[in-house]
Amino acid sequence: MTQPTPADSGSSRQRSPSLEQAPFSRLLELGRARDPEALSLLYHRFLPMIYRFLHSRTGNTALTEDLTSDTFFAIMDSLGTLRAQDELGFATWALGIARNKFAMHYRRAKARAEVSIDLAEMAEPTTVADEGDPLLVLIARERWADVVAALNQLTPEQRETLWRRCLLGESADEVAHAMSKPTNAIYGLQFRALAALARYLSGSDHAGEDDASEAGRRSERGADHAARRKA
């Protein structure tokens, strides 16, 4: 399988230090303009995250590589439609594409009767995910809008901690160095951020249930009113 390798300069030694240090919005701007160096930086930065997400779903190395390749081709083709300007927005958008590629693969396989699988069994979980990989806490939701809305309610330090630990896969020591904090403080930030995220997501579930209940009550009142008019 051939991985998509934009600006196949490969080595970070060949990349411009100024571009590596540029604001992410500038990197996206150049990526939309099909700048080879910018595309290469985006690819190498987000490849581990996409691969780890897909491998957690498939458990198959060869299939994961194929789906990762398909995902990055789609990302590069769709950069012009992306509205996000920061890394977190880009990451959630990219993971959404990876989710779609994963789902489409199994739908096609089922249609060809190559595998026997109930699509309901592969649906995204809605509970807190495996503690062994904090990335799964963020991706264990069906509706990305819920995740983004919840992340936006965290403090800037909490968002950066989750971004680095859960999506980029950085170690606590690496995050501590980047944020100029003790390692123990990073563990505390991560714990509080995940707890707050769980509360916000739980609140969005209850809000959805309340909306559905209210819609049901309105429907019942409408039907009752129509019945009285007929009587």
C-alpha atoms as a PDB file:
ATOM      1  CA  MET A   1       0.000   0.000   0.000  1.00  0.00           C
ATOM      2  CA  THR A   2       1.346   3.420  -0.922  1.00  0.00           C
ATOM      3  CA  GLN A   3       0.916   6.091   1.715  1.00  0.00           C
ATOM      4  CA  PRO A   4       0.100   9.599   0.467  1.00  0.00           C
ATOM      5  CA  THR A   5       3.352  11.492   0.883  1.00  0.00           C
ATOM      6  CA  PRO A   6       2.945  15.149  -0.112  1.00  0.00           C
ATOM      7  CA  ALA A   7       6.261  16.837  -0.739  1.00  0.00           C
ATOM      8  CA  ASP A   8       7.967  13.572  -0.149  1.00  0.00           C
ATOM      9  CA  SER A   9      10.938  15.328   1.337  1.00  0.00           C
ATOM     10  CA  GLY A  10      10.264  13.038   4.277  1.00  0.00           C
ATOM     11  CA  SER A  11      12.880  14.246   6.707  1.00  0.00           C
ATOM     12  CA  SER A  12      12.123  17.117   9.052  1.00  0.00           C
ATOM     13  CA  ARG A  13      15.682  18.315   8.388  1.00  0.00           C
ATOM     14  CA  GLN A  14      14.522  19.455   4.953  1.00  0.00           C
ATOM     15  CA  ARG A  15      11.580  21.455   6.249  1.00  0.00           C
ATOM     16  CA  SER A  16      11.704  25.174   6.841  1.00  0.00           C
ATOM     17  CA  PRO A  17      12.091  25.981  10.556  1.00  0.00           C
ATOM     18  CA  SER A  18      10.108  29.178  10.015  1.00  0.00           C
ATOM     19  CA  LEU A  19       7.123  27.233   8.658  1.00  0.00           C
ATOM     20  CA  GLU A  20       7.291  24.691  11.480  1.00  0.00           C
ATOM     21  CA  GLN A  21       7.062  27.552  13.962  1.00  0.00           C
ATOM     22  CA  ALA A  22       4.396  29.489  12.065  1.00  0.00           C
ATOM     23  CA  PRO A  23       0.851  29.813  13.460  1.00  0.00           C
ATOM     24  CA  PHE A  24      -1.319  26.843  12.573  1.00  0.00           C
ATOM     25  CA  SER A  25      -3.701  29.093  10.668  1.00  0.00           C
ATOM     26  CA  ARG A  26      -0.803  30.021   8.371  1.00  0.00           C
ATOM     27  CA  LEU A  27       0.028  26.349   7.854  1.00  0.00           C
ATOM     28  CA  LEU A  28      -3.585  25.677   6.870  1.00  0.00           C
ATOM     29  CA  GLU A  29      -3.609  28.655   4.530  1.00  0.00           C
ATOM     30  CA  LEU A  30      -0.562  27.302   2.724  1.00  0.00           C
ATOM     31  CA  GLY A  31      -2.029  23.789   2.735  1.00  0.00           C
ATOM     32  CA  ARG A  32      -5.179  25.039   1.027  1.00  0.00           C
ATOM     33  CA  ALA A  33      -2.910  26.617  -1.585  1.00  0.00           C
ATOM     34  CA  ARG A  34      -1.363  23.139  -2.107  1.00  0.00           C
ATOM     35  CA  ASP A  35       2.027  24.217  -0.768  1.00  0.00           C
ATOM     36  CA  PRO A  36       4.060  20.952  -0.716  1.00  0.00           C
ATOM     37  CA  GLU A  37       5.950  21.765   2.479  1.00  0.00           C
ATOM     38  CA  ALA A  38       2.792  22.706   4.371  1.00  0.00           C
ATOM     39  CA  LEU A  39       1.024  19.531   3.233  1.00  0.00           C
ATOM     40  CA  SER A  40       4.021  17.479   4.325  1.00  0.00           C
ATOM     41  CA  LEU A  41       4.010  19.089   7.774  1.00  0.00           C
ATOM     42  CA  LEU A  42       0.279  18.440   8.193  1.00  0.00           C
ATOM     43  CA  TYR A  43       0.701  14.844   7.097  1.00  0.00           C
ATOM     44  CA  HIS A  44       3.588  14.027   9.425  1.00  0.00           C
ATOM     45  CA  ARG A  45       2.029  15.796  12.391  1.00  0.00           C
ATOM     46  CA  PHE A  46      -1.387  14.130  12.202  1.00  0.00           C
ATOM     47  CA  LEU A  47      -0.447  10.712  10.801  1.00  0.00           C
ATOM     48  CA  PRO A  48       0.084   9.080  14.241  1.00  0.00           C
ATOM     49  CA  MET A  49      -3.280  10.334  15.502  1.00  0.00           C
ATOM     50  CA  ILE A  50      -5.221   9.064  12.464  1.00  0.00           C
ATOM     51  CA  TYR A  51      -3.404   5.736  12.433  1.00  0.00           C
ATOM     52  CA  ARG A  52      -3.953   5.180  16.161  1.00  0.00           C
ATOM     53  CA  PHE A  53      -7.657   5.981  15.867  1.00  0.00           C
ATOM     54  CA  LEU A  54      -8.218   3.616  12.941  1.00  0.00           C
ATOM     55  CA  HIS A  55      -6.159   0.805  14.437  1.00  0.00           C
ATOM     56  CA  SER A  56      -8.241   1.024  17.621  1.00  0.00           C
ATOM     57  CA  ARG A  57     -11.278   0.332  15.405  1.00  0.00           C
ATOM     58  CA  THR A  58      -9.945  -2.318  13.025  1.00  0.00           C
ATOM     59  CA  GLY A  59      -7.277  -4.169  15.023  1.00  0.00           C
ATOM     60  CA  ASN A  60      -5.759  -5.002  11.629  1.00  0.00           C
ATOM     61  CA  THR A  61      -2.483  -3.396  10.572  1.00  0.00           C
ATOM     62  CA  ALA A  62      -2.893  -3.798   6.808  1.00  0.00           C
ATOM     63  CA  LEU A  63      -6.472  -2.495   6.829  1.00  0.00           C
ATOM     64  CA  THR A  64      -5.469   0.378   9.106  1.00  0.00           C
ATOM     65  CA  GLU A  65      -2.737   1.404   6.662  1.00  0.00           C
ATOM     66  CA  ASP A  66      -5.172   1.352   3.744  1.00  0.00           C
ATOM     67  CA  LEU A  67      -7.797   3.388   5.593  1.00  0.00           C
ATOM     68  CA  THR A  68      -5.166   5.840   6.837  1.00  0.00           C
ATOM     69  CA  SER A  69      -4.010   6.378   3.268  1.00  0.00           C
ATOM     70  CA  ASP A  70      -7.597   6.899   2.071  1.00  0.00           C
ATOM     71  CA  THR A  71      -8.204   9.326   4.921  1.00  0.00           C
ATOM     72  CA  PHE A  72      -5.226  11.517   4.061  1.00  0.00           C
ATOM     73  CA  PHE A  73      -6.094  11.613   0.380  1.00  0.00           C
ATOM     74  CA  ALA A  74      -9.582  12.808   1.393  1.00  0.00           C
ATOM     75  CA  ILE A  75      -8.133  15.356   3.829  1.00  0.00           C
ATOM     76  CA  MET A  76      -5.901  16.860   1.161  1.00  0.00           C
ATOM     77  CA  ASP A  77      -8.717  16.941  -1.379  1.00  0.00           C
ATOM     78  CA  SER A  78     -11.076  18.654   1.080  1.00  0.00           C
ATOM     79  CA  LEU A  79      -8.769  21.207   2.701  1.00  0.00           C
ATOM     80  CA  GLY A  80     -10.420  23.988   0.738  1.00  0.00           C
ATOM     81  CA  THR A  81     -13.755  23.324   2.468  1.00  0.00           C
ATOM     82  CA  LEU A  82     -12.334  23.358   6.004  1.00  0.00           C
ATOM     83  CA  ARG A  83     -13.487  26.289   8.133  1.00  0.00           C
ATOM     84  CA  ALA A  84     -11.449  25.532  11.268  1.00  0.00           C
ATOM     85  CA  GLN A  85      -8.372  27.652  11.883  1.00  0.00           C
ATOM     86  CA  ASP A  86      -6.797  25.901  14.884  1.00  0.00           C
ATOM     87  CA  GLU A  87      -5.240  22.509  15.494  1.00  0.00           C
ATOM     88  CA  LEU A  88      -8.089  21.174  17.597  1.00  0.00           C
ATOM     89  CA  GLY A  89     -10.659  22.056  14.958  1.00  0.00           C
ATOM     90  CA  PHE A  90      -8.510  20.486  12.253  1.00  0.00           C
ATOM     91  CA  ALA A  91      -7.999  17.336  14.328  1.00  0.00           C
ATOM     92  CA  THR A  92     -11.708  16.799  14.983  1.00  0.00           C
ATOM     93  CA  TRP A  93     -12.447  17.385  11.296  1.00  0.00           C
ATOM     94  CA  ALA A  94      -9.728  14.920  10.231  1.00  0.00           C
ATOM     95  CA  LEU A  95     -10.930  12.286  12.689  1.00  0.00           C
ATOM     96  CA  GLY A  96     -14.449  12.719  11.326  1.00  0.00           C
ATOM     97  CA  ILE A  97     -13.129  11.846   7.870  1.00  0.00           C
ATOM     98  CA  ALA A  98     -11.362   8.800   9.313  1.00  0.00           C
ATOM     99  CA  ARG A  99     -14.593   7.668  10.980  1.00  0.00           C
ATOM    100  CA  ASN A 100     -16.412   7.939   7.659  1.00  0.00           C
ATOM    101  CA  LYS A 101     -13.738   5.915   5.867  1.00  0.00           C
ATOM    102  CA  PHE A 102     -13.979   3.214   8.534  1.00  0.00           C
ATOM    103  CA  ALA A 103     -17.785   3.047   8.305  1.00  0.00           C
ATOM    104  CA  MET A 104     -17.793   3.073   4.488  1.00  0.00           C
ATOM    105  CA  HIS A 105     -15.307   0.196   4.352  1.00  0.00           C
ATOM    106  CA  TYR A 106     -17.539  -2.102   6.389  1.00  0.00           C
ATOM    107  CA  ARG A 107     -20.682  -1.064   4.570  1.00  0.00           C
ATOM    108  CA  ARG A 108     -19.068  -1.959   1.247  1.00  0.00           C
ATOM    109  CA  ALA A 109     -17.731  -5.204   2.664  1.00  0.00           C
ATOM    110  CA  LYS A 110     -21.154  -6.150   3.958  1.00  0.00           C
ATOM    111  CA  ALA A 111     -22.779  -5.301   0.625  1.00  0.00           C
ATOM    112  CA  ARG A 112     -20.323  -7.618  -1.134  1.00  0.00           C
ATOM    113  CA  ALA A 113     -21.006 -10.304   1.471  1.00  0.00           C
ATOM    114  CA  GLU A 114     -17.268 -10.563   2.123  1.00  0.00           C
ATOM    115  CA  VAL A 115     -17.750 -10.308   5.861  1.00  0.00           C
ATOM    116  CA  SER A 116     -20.615 -11.015   8.210  1.00  0.00           C
ATOM    117  CA  ILE A 117     -21.015  -8.042  10.506  1.00  0.00           C
ATOM    118  CA  ASP A 118     -23.915  -6.246  12.076  1.00  0.00           C
ATOM    119  CA  LEU A 119     -23.329  -2.534  11.567  1.00  0.00           C
ATOM    120  CA  ALA A 120     -25.021  -1.868  14.880  1.00  0.00           C
ATOM    121  CA  GLU A 121     -22.176  -3.746  16.565  1.00  0.00           C
ATOM    122  CA  MET A 122     -19.562  -1.406  15.080  1.00  0.00           C
ATOM    123  CA  ALA A 123     -21.412   1.764  16.004  1.00  0.00           C
ATOM    124  CA  GLU A 124     -19.376   4.298  17.951  1.00  0.00           C
ATOM    125  CA  PRO A 125     -19.602   3.802  21.727  1.00  0.00           C
ATOM    126  CA  THR A 126     -21.188   6.551  23.794  1.00  0.00           C
ATOM    127  CA  THR A 127     -19.596   5.738  27.147  1.00  0.00           C
ATOM    128  CA  VAL A 128     -16.234   6.694  28.568  1.00  0.00           C
ATOM    129  CA  ALA A 129     -13.599   4.827  26.614  1.00  0.00           C
ATOM    130  CA  ASP A 130     -10.605   2.745  27.581  1.00  0.00           C
ATOM    131  CA  GLU A 131      -8.400   4.560  30.079  1.00  0.00           C
ATOM    132  CA  GLY A 132      -5.326   3.051  28.436  1.00  0.00           C
ATOM    133  CA  ASP A 133      -5.600   5.465  25.506  1.00  0.00           C
ATOM    134  CA  PRO A 134      -6.960   8.930  26.303  1.00  0.00           C
ATOM    135  CA  LEU A 135      -7.587   9.569  22.601  1.00  0.00           C
ATOM    136  CA  LEU A 136     -10.547   7.209  22.838  1.00  0.00           C
ATOM    137  CA  VAL A 137     -12.229   9.464  25.395  1.00  0.00           C
ATOM    138  CA  LEU A 138     -12.589  12.127  22.722  1.00  0.00           C
ATOM    139  CA  ILE A 139     -13.487   9.875  19.818  1.00  0.00           C
ATOM    140  CA  ALA A 140     -16.016   7.743  21.699  1.00  0.00           C
ATOM    141  CA  ARG A 141     -18.901   9.932  20.552  1.00  0.00           C
ATOM    142  CA  GLU A 142     -21.164   9.734  17.546  1.00  0.00           C
ATOM    143  CA  ARG A 143     -21.782  13.475  17.273  1.00  0.00           C
ATOM    144  CA  TRP A 144     -18.653  15.572  16.841  1.00  0.00           C
ATOM    145  CA  ALA A 145     -20.643  18.743  17.490  1.00  0.00           C
ATOM    146  CA  ASP A 146     -21.090  17.579  21.085  1.00  0.00           C
ATOM    147  CA  VAL A 147     -17.354  17.060  21.527  1.00  0.00           C
ATOM    148  CA  VAL A 148     -16.398  20.419  20.018  1.00  0.00           C
ATOM    149  CA  ALA A 149     -19.011  22.270  22.098  1.00  0.00           C
ATOM    150  CA  ALA A 150     -17.781  20.556  25.263  1.00  0.00           C
ATOM    151  CA  LEU A 151     -14.126  21.270  24.478  1.00  0.00           C
ATOM    152  CA  ASN A 152     -14.952  24.948  23.984  1.00  0.00           C
ATOM    153  CA  GLN A 153     -16.223  25.085  27.572  1.00  0.00           C
ATOM    154  CA  LEU A 154     -12.880  23.965  29.020  1.00  0.00           C
ATOM    155  CA  THR A 155     -10.201  26.396  30.153  1.00  0.00           C
ATOM    156  CA  PRO A 156      -7.394  27.142  27.652  1.00  0.00           C
ATOM    157  CA  GLU A 157      -4.949  25.066  29.731  1.00  0.00           C
ATOM    158  CA  GLN A 158      -7.365  22.127  29.878  1.00  0.00           C
ATOM    159  CA  ARG A 159      -7.926  22.267  26.113  1.00  0.00           C
ATOM    160  CA  GLU A 160      -4.206  22.377  25.399  1.00  0.00           C
ATOM    161  CA  THR A 161      -3.578  19.462  27.758  1.00  0.00           C
ATOM    162  CA  LEU A 162      -6.222  17.299  26.076  1.00  0.00           C
ATOM    163  CA  TRP A 163      -5.053  18.373  22.659  1.00  0.00           C
ATOM    164  CA  ARG A 164      -1.448  17.365  23.354  1.00  0.00           C
ATOM    165  CA  ARG A 165      -2.139  14.250  25.439  1.00  0.00           C
ATOM    166  CA  CYS A 166      -5.199  12.820  23.664  1.00  0.00           C
ATOM    167  CA  LEU A 167      -4.774  13.846  20.046  1.00  0.00           C
ATOM    168  CA  LEU A 168      -1.056  14.373  19.498  1.00  0.00           C
ATOM    169  CA  GLY A 169      -0.206  11.515  21.861  1.00  0.00           C
ATOM    170  CA  GLU A 170       2.520  13.446  23.662  1.00  0.00           C
ATOM    171  CA  SER A 171       3.803  12.109  26.982  1.00  0.00           C
ATOM    172  CA  ALA A 172       3.076  13.951  30.208  1.00  0.00           C
ATOM    173  CA  ASP A 173       6.713  15.002  30.359  1.00  0.00           C
ATOM    174  CA  GLU A 174       6.551  16.435  26.823  1.00  0.00           C
ATOM    175  CA  VAL A 175       3.379  18.357  27.623  1.00  0.00           C
ATOM    176  CA  ALA A 176       4.890  19.629  30.877  1.00  0.00           C
ATOM    177  CA  HIS A 177       7.913  20.936  28.974  1.00  0.00           C
ATOM    178  CA  ALA A 178       5.764  22.621  26.300  1.00  0.00           C
ATOM    179  CA  MET A 179       3.488  24.249  28.879  1.00  0.00           C
ATOM    180  CA  SER A 180       6.278  25.068  31.373  1.00  0.00           C
ATOM    181  CA  LYS A 181       4.603  23.130  34.171  1.00  0.00           C
ATOM    182  CA  PRO A 182       5.587  20.236  36.456  1.00  0.00           C
ATOM    183  CA  THR A 183       4.634  16.795  35.173  1.00  0.00           C
ATOM    184  CA  ASN A 184       2.327  16.197  38.150  1.00  0.00           C
ATOM    185  CA  ALA A 185       0.430  19.362  37.231  1.00  0.00           C
ATOM    186  CA  ILE A 186      -0.233  17.934  33.761  1.00  0.00           C
ATOM    187  CA  TYR A 187      -1.743  14.776  35.236  1.00  0.00           C
ATOM    188  CA  GLY A 188      -3.979  16.978  37.381  1.00  0.00           C
ATOM    189  CA  LEU A 189      -4.998  19.124  34.417  1.00  0.00           C
ATOM    190  CA  GLN A 190      -5.784  16.039  32.340  1.00  0.00           C
ATOM    191  CA  PHE A 191      -7.880  14.493  35.119  1.00  0.00           C
ATOM    192  CA  ARG A 192      -9.890  17.684  35.662  1.00  0.00           C
ATOM    193  CA  ALA A 193     -10.275  18.280  31.928  1.00  0.00           C
ATOM    194  CA  LEU A 194     -11.614  14.784  31.279  1.00  0.00           C
ATOM    195  CA  ALA A 195     -13.952  15.023  34.271  1.00  0.00           C
ATOM    196  CA  ALA A 196     -15.281  18.373  33.043  1.00  0.00           C
ATOM    197  CA  LEU A 197     -15.612  17.022  29.506  1.00  0.00           C
ATOM    198  CA  ALA A 198     -17.633  14.061  30.794  1.00  0.00           C
ATOM    199  CA  ARG A 199     -19.951  16.436  32.679  1.00  0.00           C
ATOM    200  CA  TYR A 200     -20.487  18.649  29.642  1.00  0.00           C
ATOM    201  CA  LEU A 201     -21.133  15.665  27.377  1.00  0.00           C
ATOM    202  CA  SER A 202     -23.523  14.154  29.902  1.00  0.00           C
ATOM    203  CA  GLY A 203     -25.326  17.493  30.032  1.00  0.00           C
ATOM    204  CA  SER A 204     -25.676  17.533  26.239  1.00  0.00           C
ATOM    205  CA  ASP A 205     -27.227  14.056  26.376  1.00  0.00           C
ATOM    206  CA  HIS A 206     -29.769  15.179  28.976  1.00  0.00           C
ATOM    207  CA  ALA A 207     -30.502  18.323  26.967  1.00  0.00           C
ATOM    208  CA  GLY A 208     -31.203  16.181  23.918  1.00  0.00           C
ATOM    209  CA  GLU A 209     -33.504  13.972  25.964  1.00  0.00           C
ATOM    210  CA  ASP A 210     -35.322  17.045  27.338  1.00  0.00           C
ATOM    211  CA  ASP A 211     -35.755  18.434  23.821  1.00  0.00           C
ATOM    212  CA  ALA A 212     -37.153  15.118  22.625  1.00  0.00           C
ATOM    213  CA  SER A 213     -39.518  14.921  25.604  1.00  0.00           C
ATOM    214  CA  GLU A 214     -40.758  18.455  25.003  1.00  0.00           C
ATOM    215  CA  ALA A 215     -41.298  17.698  21.320  1.00  0.00           C
ATOM    216  CA  GLY A 216     -43.264  14.633  22.305  1.00  0.00           C
ATOM    217  CA  ARG A 217     -45.411  16.629  24.709  1.00  0.00           C
ATOM    218  CA  ARG A 218     -46.105  19.252  22.038  1.00  0.00           C
ATOM    219  CA  SER A 219     -47.122  16.509  19.625  1.00  0.00           C
ATOM    220  CA  GLU A 220     -49.477  14.972  22.193  1.00  0.00           C
ATOM    221  CA  ARG A 221     -51.036  18.366  22.943  1.00  0.00           C
ATOM    222  CA  GLY A 222     -51.535  18.963  19.227  1.00  0.00           C
ATOM    223  CA  ALA A 223     -53.203  15.612  18.739  1.00  0.00           C
ATOM    224  CA  ASP A 224     -55.442  16.155  21.771  1.00  0.00           C
ATOM    225  CA  HIS A 225     -56.468  19.588  20.483  1.00  0.00           C
ATOM    226  CA  ALA A 226     -57.269  18.170  17.046  1.00  0.00           C
ATOM    227  CA  ALA A 227     -59.364  15.429  18.631  1.00  0.00           C
ATOM    228  CA  ARG A 228     -61.385  17.945  20.640  1.00  0.00           C
ATOM    229  CA  ARG A 229     -62.040  20.015  17.519  1.00  0.00           C
ATOM    230  CA  LYS A 230     -63.350  16.951  15.692  1.00  0.00           C
ATOM    231  CA  ALA A 231     -65.571  16.091  18.655  1.00  0.00           C
END
